[in-house]
Amino acid sequence: MARRGDVQEAETLAHEGLSLGGEAGDQLGMVDALELLARLAAKQDSHKEAARLWAAAEASRTELGYVRFPVERVAYDAAVANARDGLGPDDFKAA
């Protein structure tokens, strides 16, 4: 389990990466940063925020044709399922 300070530092760095990706036009990097922020939000039990971040990342993935590698699918599905369970399926979908 990550220490609280580690999660906060990771969140700060992910926000920085998102900002720098926007400045550089790195759309794929921005998708990755959004998904990292979603995972960090879920880790902190901010499931509604996580759901919104994953939705934004998924919309960008679809628009860009940025396919998730199969090796990443299991961890992604588990993280999303955990957030969905924490929020409830209806609230998760509404978020």
PDB file of N, CA and C in Angstrom:
ATOM      1  N   MET A   1       0.847  -1.176   0.000  1.00  0.00           N
ATOM      2  CA  MET A   1       0.000   0.000   0.000  1.00  0.00           C
ATOM      3  C   MET A   1       0.892   1.239   0.000  1.00  0.00           C
ATOM      4  N   ALA A   2       0.552   2.194  -0.826  1.00  0.00           N
ATOM      5  CA  ALA A   2       1.328   3.431  -0.914  1.00  0.00           C
ATOM      6  C   ALA A   2       1.098   4.292   0.323  1.00  0.00           C
ATOM      7  N   ARG A   3       2.138   4.969   0.740  1.00  0.00           N
ATOM      8  CA  ARG A   3       1.992   5.921   1.845  1.00  0.00           C
ATOM      9  C   ARG A   3       1.247   7.139   1.338  1.00  0.00           C
ATOM     10  N   ARG A   4       0.559   7.835   2.238  1.00  0.00           N
ATOM     11  CA  ARG A   4      -0.251   9.010   1.886  1.00  0.00           C
ATOM     12  C   ARG A   4       0.572  10.055   1.137  1.00  0.00           C
ATOM     13  N   GLY A   5       1.772  10.342   1.617  1.00  0.00           N
ATOM     14  CA  GLY A   5       2.622  11.320   0.951  1.00  0.00           C
ATOM     15  C   GLY A   5       2.980  10.905  -0.468  1.00  0.00           C
ATOM     16  N   ASP A   6       3.163   9.623  -0.670  1.00  0.00           N
ATOM     17  CA  ASP A   6       3.497   9.127  -1.999  1.00  0.00           C
ATOM     18  C   ASP A   6       2.340   9.357  -2.970  1.00  0.00           C
ATOM     19  N   VAL A   7       1.121   9.139  -2.506  1.00  0.00           N
ATOM     20  CA  VAL A   7      -0.049   9.336  -3.355  1.00  0.00           C
ATOM     21  C   VAL A   7      -0.207  10.813  -3.689  1.00  0.00           C
ATOM     22  N   GLN A   8      -0.017  11.672  -2.704  1.00  0.00           N
ATOM     23  CA  GLN A   8      -0.122  13.115  -2.953  1.00  0.00           C
ATOM     24  C   GLN A   8       0.961  13.588  -3.913  1.00  0.00           C
ATOM     25  N   GLU A   9       2.163  13.080  -3.759  1.00  0.00           N
ATOM     26  CA  GLU A   9       3.243  13.461  -4.671  1.00  0.00           C
ATOM     27  C   GLU A   9       2.949  12.951  -6.080  1.00  0.00           C
ATOM     28  N   ALA A  10       2.454  11.731  -6.176  1.00  0.00           N
ATOM     29  CA  ALA A  10       2.099  11.178  -7.486  1.00  0.00           C
ATOM     30  C   ALA A  10       1.011  12.015  -8.149  1.00  0.00           C
ATOM     31  N   GLU A  11       0.045  12.456  -7.352  1.00  0.00           N
ATOM     32  CA  GLU A  11      -1.032  13.286  -7.898  1.00  0.00           C
ATOM     33  C   GLU A  11      -0.484  14.625  -8.403  1.00  0.00           C
ATOM     34  N   THR A  12       0.395  15.231  -7.631  1.00  0.00           N
ATOM     35  CA  THR A  12       1.012  16.496  -8.052  1.00  0.00           C
ATOM     36  C   THR A  12       1.775  16.307  -9.362  1.00  0.00           C
ATOM     37  N   LEU A  13       2.549  15.238  -9.441  1.00  0.00           N
ATOM     38  CA  LEU A  13       3.333  14.980 -10.655  1.00  0.00           C
ATOM     39  C   LEU A  13       2.441  14.651 -11.846  1.00  0.00           C
ATOM     40  N   ALA A  14       1.347  13.934 -11.610  1.00  0.00           N
ATOM     41  CA  ALA A  14       0.426  13.620 -12.701  1.00  0.00           C
ATOM     42  C   ALA A  14      -0.245  14.885 -13.230  1.00  0.00           C
ATOM     43  N   HIS A  15      -0.614  15.800 -12.324  1.00  0.00           N
ATOM     44  CA  HIS A  15      -1.183  17.088 -12.765  1.00  0.00           C
ATOM     45  C   HIS A  15      -0.158  17.875 -13.573  1.00  0.00           C
ATOM     46  N   GLU A  16       1.077  17.836 -13.137  1.00  0.00           N
ATOM     47  CA  GLU A  16       2.143  18.518 -13.870  1.00  0.00           C
ATOM     48  C   GLU A  16       2.313  17.889 -15.258  1.00  0.00           C
ATOM     49  N   GLY A  17       2.286  16.563 -15.300  1.00  0.00           N
ATOM     50  CA  GLY A  17       2.393  15.877 -16.589  1.00  0.00           C
ATOM     51  C   GLY A  17       1.237  16.213 -17.516  1.00  0.00           C
ATOM     52  N   LEU A  18       0.044  16.313 -16.966  1.00  0.00           N
ATOM     53  CA  LEU A  18      -1.129  16.674 -17.756  1.00  0.00           C
ATOM     54  C   LEU A  18      -0.965  18.078 -18.330  1.00  0.00           C
ATOM     55  N   SER A  19      -0.508  18.990 -17.510  1.00  0.00           N
ATOM     56  CA  SER A  19      -0.294  20.364 -17.955  1.00  0.00           C
ATOM     57  C   SER A  19       0.780  20.445 -19.035  1.00  0.00           C
ATOM     58  N   LEU A  20       1.896  19.772 -18.795  1.00  0.00           N
ATOM     59  CA  LEU A  20       2.982  19.781 -19.779  1.00  0.00           C
ATOM     60  C   LEU A  20       2.566  19.092 -21.072  1.00  0.00           C
ATOM     61  N   GLY A  21       1.783  18.018 -20.946  1.00  0.00           N
ATOM     62  CA  GLY A  21       1.284  17.342 -22.145  1.00  0.00           C
ATOM     63  C   GLY A  21       0.403  18.259 -22.977  1.00  0.00           C
ATOM     64  N   GLY A  22      -0.421  19.046 -22.289  1.00  0.00           N
ATOM     65  CA  GLY A  22      -1.263  20.014 -23.000  1.00  0.00           C
ATOM     66  C   GLY A  22      -0.436  21.055 -23.723  1.00  0.00           C
ATOM     67  N   GLU A  23       0.589  21.561 -23.046  1.00  0.00           N
ATOM     68  CA  GLU A  23       1.466  22.564 -23.665  1.00  0.00           C
ATOM     69  C   GLU A  23       2.209  22.001 -24.864  1.00  0.00           C
ATOM     70  N   ALA A  24       2.593  20.735 -24.780  1.00  0.00           N
ATOM     71  CA  ALA A  24       3.383  20.107 -25.848  1.00  0.00           C
ATOM     72  C   ALA A  24       2.512  19.488 -26.936  1.00  0.00           C
ATOM     73  N   GLY A  25       1.190  19.415 -26.688  1.00  0.00           N
ATOM     74  CA  GLY A  25       0.308  18.771 -27.656  1.00  0.00           C
ATOM     75  C   GLY A  25       0.406  17.254 -27.622  1.00  0.00           C
ATOM     76  N   ASP A  26       0.865  16.710 -26.508  1.00  0.00           N
ATOM     77  CA  ASP A  26       1.020  15.258 -26.352  1.00  0.00           C
ATOM     78  C   ASP A  26      -0.311  14.663 -25.872  1.00  0.00           C
ATOM     79  N   GLN A  27      -1.207  14.407 -26.809  1.00  0.00           N
ATOM     80  CA  GLN A  27      -2.540  13.939 -26.457  1.00  0.00           C
ATOM     81  C   GLN A  27      -2.534  12.555 -25.834  1.00  0.00           C
ATOM     82  N   LEU A  28      -1.661  11.678 -26.286  1.00  0.00           N
ATOM     83  CA  LEU A  28      -1.592  10.339 -25.706  1.00  0.00           C
ATOM     84  C   LEU A  28      -1.080  10.398 -24.266  1.00  0.00           C
ATOM     85  N   GLY A  29      -0.102  11.234 -24.035  1.00  0.00           N
ATOM     86  CA  GLY A  29       0.408  11.420 -22.687  1.00  0.00           C
ATOM     87  C   GLY A  29      -0.645  11.995 -21.758  1.00  0.00           C
ATOM     88  N   MET A  30      -1.496  12.855 -22.306  1.00  0.00           N
ATOM     89  CA  MET A  30      -2.576  13.438 -21.504  1.00  0.00           C
ATOM     90  C   MET A  30      -3.592  12.369 -21.111  1.00  0.00           C
ATOM     91  N   VAL A  31      -3.875  11.437 -22.016  1.00  0.00           N
ATOM     92  CA  VAL A  31      -4.789  10.332 -21.691  1.00  0.00           C
ATOM     93  C   VAL A  31      -4.196   9.500 -20.556  1.00  0.00           C
ATOM     94  N   ASP A  32      -2.914   9.194 -20.673  1.00  0.00           N
ATOM     95  CA  ASP A  32      -2.256   8.420 -19.623  1.00  0.00           C
ATOM     96  C   ASP A  32      -2.294   9.162 -18.286  1.00  0.00           C
ATOM     97  N   ALA A  33      -2.080  10.471 -18.315  1.00  0.00           N
ATOM     98  CA  ALA A  33      -2.112  11.265 -17.085  1.00  0.00           C
ATOM     99  C   ALA A  33      -3.517  11.277 -16.482  1.00  0.00           C
ATOM    100  N   LEU A  34      -4.547  11.390 -17.318  1.00  0.00           N
ATOM    101  CA  LEU A  34      -5.924  11.345 -16.816  1.00  0.00           C
ATOM    102  C   LEU A  34      -6.217  10.009 -16.149  1.00  0.00           C
ATOM    103  N   GLU A  35      -5.762   8.933 -16.757  1.00  0.00           N
ATOM    104  CA  GLU A  35      -6.002   7.614 -16.174  1.00  0.00           C
ATOM    105  C   GLU A  35      -5.225   7.432 -14.869  1.00  0.00           C
ATOM    106  N   LEU A  36      -4.031   7.973 -14.804  1.00  0.00           N
ATOM    107  CA  LEU A  36      -3.268   7.909 -13.562  1.00  0.00           C
ATOM    108  C   LEU A  36      -3.981   8.712 -12.473  1.00  0.00           C
ATOM    109  N   LEU A  37      -4.465   9.901 -12.821  1.00  0.00           N
ATOM    110  CA  LEU A  37      -5.211  10.704 -11.849  1.00  0.00           C
ATOM    111  C   LEU A  37      -6.464   9.975 -11.387  1.00  0.00           C
ATOM    112  N   ALA A  38      -7.116   9.268 -12.284  1.00  0.00           N
ATOM    113  CA  ALA A  38      -8.313   8.500 -11.918  1.00  0.00           C
ATOM    114  C   ALA A  38      -7.947   7.406 -10.915  1.00  0.00           C
ATOM    115  N   ARG A  39      -6.865   6.708 -11.174  1.00  0.00           N
ATOM    116  CA  ARG A  39      -6.439   5.639 -10.252  1.00  0.00           C
ATOM    117  C   ARG A  39      -6.070   6.200  -8.893  1.00  0.00           C
ATOM    118  N   LEU A  40      -5.411   7.343  -8.894  1.00  0.00           N
ATOM    119  CA  LEU A  40      -5.038   7.976  -7.629  1.00  0.00           C
ATOM    120  C   LEU A  40      -6.275   8.456  -6.875  1.00  0.00           C
ATOM    121  N   ALA A  41      -7.244   8.988  -7.593  1.00  0.00           N
ATOM    122  CA  ALA A  41      -8.497   9.425  -6.954  1.00  0.00           C
ATOM    123  C   ALA A  41      -9.212   8.227  -6.346  1.00  0.00           C
ATOM    124  N   ALA A  42      -9.271   7.133  -7.079  1.00  0.00           N
ATOM    125  CA  ALA A  42      -9.934   5.928  -6.575  1.00  0.00           C
ATOM    126  C   ALA A  42      -9.206   5.394  -5.345  1.00  0.00           C
ATOM    127  N   LYS A  43      -7.883   5.463  -5.348  1.00  0.00           N
ATOM    128  CA  LYS A  43      -7.087   4.985  -4.217  1.00  0.00           C
ATOM    129  C   LYS A  43      -7.391   5.788  -2.951  1.00  0.00           C
ATOM    130  N   GLN A  44      -7.828   7.048  -3.157  1.00  0.00           N
ATOM    131  CA  GLN A  44      -8.166   7.916  -2.035  1.00  0.00           C
ATOM    132  C   GLN A  44      -9.683   7.919  -1.767  1.00  0.00           C
ATOM    133  N   ASP A  45     -10.379   6.946  -2.336  1.00  0.00           N
ATOM    134  CA  ASP A  45     -11.832   6.797  -2.182  1.00  0.00           C
ATOM    135  C   ASP A  45     -12.631   7.962  -2.761  1.00  0.00           C
ATOM    136  N   SER A  46     -12.063   8.674  -3.707  1.00  0.00           N
ATOM    137  CA  SER A  46     -12.783   9.724  -4.436  1.00  0.00           C
ATOM    138  C   SER A  46     -13.322   9.105  -5.723  1.00  0.00           C
ATOM    139  N   HIS A  47     -14.280   8.193  -5.536  1.00  0.00           N
ATOM    140  CA  HIS A  47     -14.758   7.380  -6.658  1.00  0.00           C
ATOM    141  C   HIS A  47     -15.481   8.194  -7.729  1.00  0.00           C
ATOM    142  N   LYS A  48     -16.207   9.218  -7.329  1.00  0.00           N
ATOM    143  CA  LYS A  48     -16.910  10.047  -8.311  1.00  0.00           C
ATOM    144  C   LYS A  48     -15.904  10.780  -9.203  1.00  0.00           C
ATOM    145  N   GLU A  49     -14.872  11.332  -8.591  1.00  0.00           N
ATOM    146  CA  GLU A  49     -13.823  11.998  -9.362  1.00  0.00           C
ATOM    147  C   GLU A  49     -13.119  10.998 -10.275  1.00  0.00           C
ATOM    148  N   ALA A  50     -12.853   9.812  -9.758  1.00  0.00           N
ATOM    149  CA  ALA A  50     -12.206   8.774 -10.560  1.00  0.00           C
ATOM    150  C   ALA A  50     -13.054   8.422 -11.774  1.00  0.00           C
ATOM    151  N   ALA A  51     -14.353   8.254 -11.565  1.00  0.00           N
ATOM    152  CA  ALA A  51     -15.250   7.904 -12.674  1.00  0.00           C
ATOM    153  C   ALA A  51     -15.230   8.985 -13.744  1.00  0.00           C
ATOM    154  N   ARG A  52     -15.245  10.229 -13.338  1.00  0.00           N
ATOM    155  CA  ARG A  52     -15.225  11.340 -14.307  1.00  0.00           C
ATOM    156  C   ARG A  52     -13.906  11.384 -15.072  1.00  0.00           C
ATOM    157  N   LEU A  53     -12.807  11.173 -14.369  1.00  0.00           N
ATOM    158  CA  LEU A  53     -11.500  11.172 -15.031  1.00  0.00           C
ATOM    159  C   LEU A  53     -11.384  10.007 -16.008  1.00  0.00           C
ATOM    160  N   TRP A  54     -11.854   8.820 -15.600  1.00  0.00           N
ATOM    161  CA  TRP A  54     -11.818   7.682 -16.528  1.00  0.00           C
ATOM    162  C   TRP A  54     -12.701   7.923 -17.730  1.00  0.00           C
ATOM    163  N   ALA A  55     -13.850   8.555 -17.528  1.00  0.00           N
ATOM    164  CA  ALA A  55     -14.734   8.853 -18.664  1.00  0.00           C
ATOM    165  C   ALA A  55     -14.059   9.816 -19.636  1.00  0.00           C
ATOM    166  N   ALA A  56     -13.398  10.830 -19.104  1.00  0.00           N
ATOM    167  CA  ALA A  56     -12.688  11.780 -19.969  1.00  0.00           C
ATOM    168  C   ALA A  56     -11.563  11.088 -20.720  1.00  0.00           C
ATOM    169  N   ALA A  57     -10.828  10.233 -20.019  1.00  0.00           N
ATOM    170  CA  ALA A  57      -9.738   9.506 -20.666  1.00  0.00           C
ATOM    171  C   ALA A  57     -10.271   8.570 -21.743  1.00  0.00           C
ATOM    172  N   GLU A  58     -11.367   7.885 -21.449  1.00  0.00           N
ATOM    173  CA  GLU A  58     -11.934   6.939 -22.418  1.00  0.00           C
ATOM    174  C   GLU A  58     -12.450   7.668 -23.657  1.00  0.00           C
ATOM    175  N   ALA A  59     -13.076   8.826 -23.457  1.00  0.00           N
ATOM    176  CA  ALA A  59     -13.544   9.616 -24.604  1.00  0.00           C
ATOM    177  C   ALA A  59     -12.359  10.040 -25.471  1.00  0.00           C
ATOM    178  N   SER A  60     -11.285  10.463 -24.839  1.00  0.00           N
ATOM    179  CA  SER A  60     -10.088  10.855 -25.595  1.00  0.00           C
ATOM    180  C   SER A  60      -9.469   9.662 -26.296  1.00  0.00           C
ATOM    181  N   ARG A  61      -9.418   8.514 -25.609  1.00  0.00           N
ATOM    182  CA  ARG A  61      -8.884   7.300 -26.242  1.00  0.00           C
ATOM    183  C   ARG A  61      -9.663   6.974 -27.514  1.00  0.00           C
ATOM    184  N   THR A  62     -10.970   7.034 -27.400  1.00  0.00           N
ATOM    185  CA  THR A  62     -11.824   6.717 -28.550  1.00  0.00           C
ATOM    186  C   THR A  62     -11.583   7.703 -29.686  1.00  0.00           C
ATOM    187  N   GLU A  63     -11.554   8.979 -29.359  1.00  0.00           N
ATOM    188  CA  GLU A  63     -11.350  10.025 -30.372  1.00  0.00           C
ATOM    189  C   GLU A  63      -9.998   9.877 -31.064  1.00  0.00           C
ATOM    190  N   LEU A  64      -8.975   9.515 -30.291  1.00  0.00           N
ATOM    191  CA  LEU A  64      -7.624   9.410 -30.840  1.00  0.00           C
ATOM    192  C   LEU A  64      -7.317   8.040 -31.438  1.00  0.00           C
ATOM    193  N   GLY A  65      -8.176   7.056 -31.159  1.00  0.00           N
ATOM    194  CA  GLY A  65      -7.882   5.694 -31.594  1.00  0.00           C
ATOM    195  C   GLY A  65      -6.740   5.090 -30.788  1.00  0.00           C
ATOM    196  N   TYR A  66      -6.595   5.534 -29.559  1.00  0.00           N
ATOM    197  CA  TYR A  66      -5.511   5.100 -28.670  1.00  0.00           C
ATOM    198  C   TYR A  66      -5.977   3.857 -27.919  1.00  0.00           C
ATOM    199  N   VAL A  67      -5.517   2.726 -28.362  1.00  0.00           N
ATOM    200  CA  VAL A  67      -5.960   1.443 -27.828  1.00  0.00           C
ATOM    201  C   VAL A  67      -5.151   1.089 -26.578  1.00  0.00           C
ATOM    202  N   ARG A  68      -5.838   0.585 -25.576  1.00  0.00           N
ATOM    203  CA  ARG A  68      -5.167   0.132 -24.361  1.00  0.00           C
ATOM    204  C   ARG A  68      -4.519  -1.224 -24.655  1.00  0.00           C
ATOM    205  N   PHE A  69      -3.279  -1.389 -24.247  1.00  0.00           N
ATOM    206  CA  PHE A  69      -2.595  -2.662 -24.446  1.00  0.00           C
ATOM    207  C   PHE A  69      -3.255  -3.740 -23.595  1.00  0.00           C
ATOM    208  N   PRO A  70      -3.367  -4.955 -24.120  1.00  0.00           N
ATOM    209  CA  PRO A  70      -3.996  -6.040 -23.360  1.00  0.00           C
ATOM    210  C   PRO A  70      -3.358  -6.261 -21.991  1.00  0.00           C
ATOM    211  N   VAL A  71      -2.059  -6.062 -21.873  1.00  0.00           N
ATOM    212  CA  VAL A  71      -1.372  -6.268 -20.602  1.00  0.00           C
ATOM    213  C   VAL A  71      -1.851  -5.264 -19.540  1.00  0.00           C
ATOM    214  N   GLU A  72      -2.384  -4.133 -19.960  1.00  0.00           N
ATOM    215  CA  GLU A  72      -2.880  -3.108 -19.049  1.00  0.00           C
ATOM    216  C   GLU A  72      -4.341  -3.332 -18.656  1.00  0.00           C
ATOM    217  N   ARG A  73      -5.039  -4.172 -19.396  1.00  0.00           N
ATOM    218  CA  ARG A  73      -6.481  -4.331 -19.244  1.00  0.00           C
ATOM    219  C   ARG A  73      -6.880  -4.863 -17.870  1.00  0.00           C
ATOM    220  N   VAL A  74      -6.181  -5.847 -17.356  1.00  0.00           N
ATOM    221  CA  VAL A  74      -6.565  -6.463 -16.084  1.00  0.00           C
ATOM    222  C   VAL A  74      -6.503  -5.442 -14.945  1.00  0.00           C
ATOM    223  N   ALA A  75      -5.401  -4.710 -14.845  1.00  0.00           N
ATOM    224  CA  ALA A  75      -5.258  -3.708 -13.782  1.00  0.00           C
ATOM    225  C   ALA A  75      -6.282  -2.594 -13.939  1.00  0.00           C
ATOM    226  N   TYR A  76      -6.509  -2.169 -15.186  1.00  0.00           N
ATOM    227  CA  TYR A  76      -7.499  -1.121 -15.454  1.00  0.00           C
ATOM    228  C   TYR A  76      -8.894  -1.588 -15.044  1.00  0.00           C
ATOM    229  N   ASP A  77      -9.272  -2.766 -15.485  1.00  0.00           N
ATOM    230  CA  ASP A  77     -10.603  -3.290 -15.154  1.00  0.00           C
ATOM    231  C   ASP A  77     -10.794  -3.433 -13.646  1.00  0.00           C
ATOM    232  N   ALA A  78      -9.758  -3.886 -12.943  1.00  0.00           N
ATOM    233  CA  ALA A  78      -9.845  -4.050 -11.493  1.00  0.00           C
ATOM    234  C   ALA A  78     -10.010  -2.697 -10.798  1.00  0.00           C
ATOM    235  N   ALA A  79      -9.264  -1.697 -11.238  1.00  0.00           N
ATOM    236  CA  ALA A  79      -9.353  -0.366 -10.625  1.00  0.00           C
ATOM    237  C   ALA A  79     -10.724   0.249 -10.862  1.00  0.00           C
ATOM    238  N   VAL A  80     -11.234   0.125 -12.090  1.00  0.00           N
ATOM    239  CA  VAL A  80     -12.562   0.665 -12.406  1.00  0.00           C
ATOM    240  C   VAL A  80     -13.640  -0.078 -11.621  1.00  0.00           C
ATOM    241  N   ALA A  81     -13.533  -1.388 -11.532  1.00  0.00           N
ATOM    242  CA  ALA A  81     -14.521  -2.180 -10.781  1.00  0.00           C
ATOM    243  C   ALA A  81     -14.522  -1.791  -9.310  1.00  0.00           C
ATOM    244  N   ASN A  82     -13.345  -1.556  -8.750  1.00  0.00           N
ATOM    245  CA  ASN A  82     -13.251  -1.143  -7.355  1.00  0.00           C
ATOM    246  C   ASN A  82     -13.940   0.206  -7.135  1.00  0.00           C
ATOM    247  N   ALA A  83     -13.717   1.141  -8.050  1.00  0.00           N
ATOM    248  CA  ALA A  83     -14.366   2.454  -7.944  1.00  0.00           C
ATOM    249  C   ALA A  83     -15.877   2.326  -8.130  1.00  0.00           C
ATOM    250  N   ARG A  84     -16.298   1.491  -9.066  1.00  0.00           N
ATOM    251  CA  ARG A  84     -17.730   1.273  -9.301  1.00  0.00           C
ATOM    252  C   ARG A  84     -18.386   0.674  -8.054  1.00  0.00           C
ATOM    253  N   ASP A  85     -17.711  -0.261  -7.424  1.00  0.00           N
ATOM    254  CA  ASP A  85     -18.234  -0.863  -6.197  1.00  0.00           C
ATOM    255  C   ASP A  85     -18.307   0.163  -5.075  1.00  0.00           C
ATOM    256  N   GLY A  86     -17.315   1.038  -4.998  1.00  0.00           N
ATOM    257  CA  GLY A  86     -17.291   2.042  -3.946  1.00  0.00           C
ATOM    258  C   GLY A  86     -18.360   3.107  -4.117  1.00  0.00           C
ATOM    259  N   LEU A  87     -18.723   3.391  -5.353  1.00  0.00           N
ATOM    260  CA  LEU A  87     -19.690   4.439  -5.641  1.00  0.00           C
ATOM    261  C   LEU A  87     -21.090   3.886  -5.840  1.00  0.00           C
ATOM    262  N   GLY A  88     -21.156   2.653  -6.319  1.00  0.00           N
ATOM    263  CA  GLY A  88     -22.435   2.057  -6.700  1.00  0.00           C
ATOM    264  C   GLY A  88     -22.600   2.206  -8.204  1.00  0.00           C
ATOM    265  N   PRO A  89     -23.187   1.200  -8.851  1.00  0.00           N
ATOM    266  CA  PRO A  89     -23.245   1.204 -10.313  1.00  0.00           C
ATOM    267  C   PRO A  89     -24.014   2.375 -10.911  1.00  0.00           C
ATOM    268  N   ASP A  90     -25.120   2.768 -10.307  1.00  0.00           N
ATOM    269  CA  ASP A  90     -25.906   3.871 -10.859  1.00  0.00           C
ATOM    270  C   ASP A  90     -25.178   5.211 -10.718  1.00  0.00           C
ATOM    271  N   ASP A  91     -24.616   5.439  -9.525  1.00  0.00           N
ATOM    272  CA  ASP A  91     -23.871   6.687  -9.309  1.00  0.00           C
ATOM    273  C   ASP A  91     -22.598   6.723 -10.147  1.00  0.00           C
ATOM    274  N   PHE A  92     -21.969   5.577 -10.319  1.00  0.00           N
ATOM    275  CA  PHE A  92     -20.768   5.513 -11.150  1.00  0.00           C
ATOM    276  C   PHE A  92     -21.123   5.890 -12.596  1.00  0.00           C
ATOM    277  N   LYS A  93     -22.197   5.337 -13.073  1.00  0.00           N
ATOM    278  CA  LYS A  93     -22.628   5.632 -14.452  1.00  0.00           C
ATOM    279  C   LYS A  93     -23.025   7.096 -14.601  1.00  0.00           C
ATOM    280  N   ALA A  94     -23.675   7.653 -13.588  1.00  0.00           N
ATOM    281  CA  ALA A  94     -24.111   9.052 -13.631  1.00  0.00           C
ATOM    282  C   ALA A  94     -22.938  10.025 -13.551  1.00  0.00           C
ATOM    283  N   ALA A  95     -21.876   9.599 -12.901  1.00  0.00           N
ATOM    284  CA  ALA A  95     -20.717  10.489 -12.727  1.00  0.00           C
ATOM    285  C   ALA A  95     -20.084  10.764 -14.060  1.00  0.00           C
TER     286      ALA A  95
END
